[in-house]
Amino acid sequence: MGGFARIGELARILTMTGQHDAAIDRLEFLLSVPGFMSIAQLRRSPEWDPLRSHPRFQALLNKYE
């Protein structure tokens, strides 16, 4: 599970540095594997606020709803 945590950290860093498409790519991967990331986390955590208006992020939330 350590590798998945690192991918999550990378997604956070990419979000903070404005590389939103790359961050969403990592989040899509993390949602495709059991147990690490959840839609609920993405919806409620303020660290993902910079992605809220991104169409791909919205589609990702809707895809796994």
C-alpha atoms as a PDB file:
ATOM      1  CA  MET A   1       0.000   0.000   0.000  1.00  0.00           C
ATOM      2  CA  GLY A   2       2.989   2.306   0.401  1.00  0.00           C
ATOM      3  CA  GLY A   3       3.268   2.831  -3.349  1.00  0.00           C
ATOM      4  CA  PHE A   4      -0.349   3.917  -3.581  1.00  0.00           C
ATOM      5  CA  ALA A   5       0.192   6.430  -0.780  1.00  0.00           C
ATOM      6  CA  ARG A   6       3.082   7.923  -2.735  1.00  0.00           C
ATOM      7  CA  ILE A   7       0.896   8.261  -5.811  1.00  0.00           C
ATOM      8  CA  GLY A   8      -1.653  10.071  -3.637  1.00  0.00           C
ATOM      9  CA  GLU A   9       1.057  12.414  -2.394  1.00  0.00           C
ATOM     10  CA  LEU A  10       2.149  13.047  -5.968  1.00  0.00           C
ATOM     11  CA  ALA A  11      -1.450  13.876  -6.920  1.00  0.00           C
ATOM     12  CA  ARG A  12      -1.547  16.410  -4.076  1.00  0.00           C
ATOM     13  CA  ILE A  13       1.723  18.002  -5.183  1.00  0.00           C
ATOM     14  CA  LEU A  14       0.577  18.151  -8.792  1.00  0.00           C
ATOM     15  CA  THR A  15      -2.644  19.818  -7.643  1.00  0.00           C
ATOM     16  CA  MET A  16      -0.754  22.394  -5.587  1.00  0.00           C
ATOM     17  CA  THR A  17       1.544  23.203  -8.486  1.00  0.00           C
ATOM     18  CA  GLY A  18      -1.287  23.667 -10.959  1.00  0.00           C
ATOM     19  CA  GLN A  19      -0.687  20.479 -12.939  1.00  0.00           C
ATOM     20  CA  HIS A  20      -4.326  19.521 -12.710  1.00  0.00           C
ATOM     21  CA  ASP A  21      -4.562  17.078 -15.606  1.00  0.00           C
ATOM     22  CA  ALA A  22      -1.604  15.105 -14.289  1.00  0.00           C
ATOM     23  CA  ALA A  23      -3.132  15.100 -10.795  1.00  0.00           C
ATOM     24  CA  ILE A  24      -6.451  13.845 -12.128  1.00  0.00           C
ATOM     25  CA  ASP A  25      -4.636  11.079 -14.022  1.00  0.00           C
ATOM     26  CA  ARG A  26      -3.220   9.864 -10.689  1.00  0.00           C
ATOM     27  CA  LEU A  27      -6.582  10.149  -8.954  1.00  0.00           C
ATOM     28  CA  GLU A  28      -8.244   8.118 -11.703  1.00  0.00           C
ATOM     29  CA  PHE A  29      -5.681   5.385 -11.151  1.00  0.00           C
ATOM     30  CA  LEU A  30      -6.132   5.448  -7.377  1.00  0.00           C
ATOM     31  CA  LEU A  31      -9.896   5.145  -7.716  1.00  0.00           C
ATOM     32  CA  SER A  32      -9.420   2.107  -9.956  1.00  0.00           C
ATOM     33  CA  VAL A  33      -7.663   0.091  -7.235  1.00  0.00           C
ATOM     34  CA  PRO A  34      -9.426  -1.055  -4.085  1.00  0.00           C
ATOM     35  CA  GLY A  35      -9.040   0.654  -0.784  1.00  0.00           C
ATOM     36  CA  PHE A  36      -6.858   3.731  -1.112  1.00  0.00           C
ATOM     37  CA  MET A  37      -8.853   6.655  -2.430  1.00  0.00           C
ATOM     38  CA  SER A  38     -12.572   7.296  -2.306  1.00  0.00           C
ATOM     39  CA  ILE A  39     -15.011   9.680  -3.905  1.00  0.00           C
ATOM     40  CA  ALA A  40     -16.005  10.823  -0.409  1.00  0.00           C
ATOM     41  CA  GLN A  41     -12.397  11.876   0.270  1.00  0.00           C
ATOM     42  CA  LEU A  42     -12.240  13.782  -2.993  1.00  0.00           C
ATOM     43  CA  ARG A  43     -15.525  15.527  -2.286  1.00  0.00           C
ATOM     44  CA  ARG A  44     -14.823  16.640   1.290  1.00  0.00           C
ATOM     45  CA  SER A  45     -11.087  17.251   1.528  1.00  0.00           C
ATOM     46  CA  PRO A  46     -10.048  20.882   0.949  1.00  0.00           C
ATOM     47  CA  GLU A  47      -6.769  19.793  -0.623  1.00  0.00           C
ATOM     48  CA  TRP A  48      -8.706  19.022  -3.806  1.00  0.00           C
ATOM     49  CA  ASP A  49     -10.414  22.443  -3.933  1.00  0.00           C
ATOM     50  CA  PRO A  50      -8.218  23.661  -6.829  1.00  0.00           C
ATOM     51  CA  LEU A  51      -9.674  20.832  -8.943  1.00  0.00           C
ATOM     52  CA  ARG A  52     -13.349  21.448  -8.133  1.00  0.00           C
ATOM     53  CA  SER A  53     -14.107  23.451 -11.280  1.00  0.00           C
ATOM     54  CA  HIS A  54     -12.065  21.239 -13.604  1.00  0.00           C
ATOM     55  CA  PRO A  55     -14.375  19.349 -15.994  1.00  0.00           C
ATOM     56  CA  ARG A  56     -12.324  16.141 -15.762  1.00  0.00           C
ATOM     57  CA  PHE A  57     -12.481  16.217 -11.962  1.00  0.00           C
ATOM     58  CA  GLN A  58     -16.261  16.693 -12.087  1.00  0.00           C
ATOM     59  CA  ALA A  59     -16.553  13.809 -14.562  1.00  0.00           C
ATOM     60  CA  LEU A  60     -14.395  11.640 -12.315  1.00  0.00           C
ATOM     61  CA  LEU A  61     -16.635  12.305  -9.311  1.00  0.00           C
ATOM     62  CA  ASN A  62     -19.732  11.538 -11.369  1.00  0.00           C
ATOM     63  CA  LYS A  63     -18.235   8.385 -12.866  1.00  0.00           C
ATOM     64  CA  TYR A  64     -17.784   6.688  -9.489  1.00  0.00           C
ATOM     65  CA  GLU A  65     -20.858   8.130  -7.807  1.00  0.00           C
END
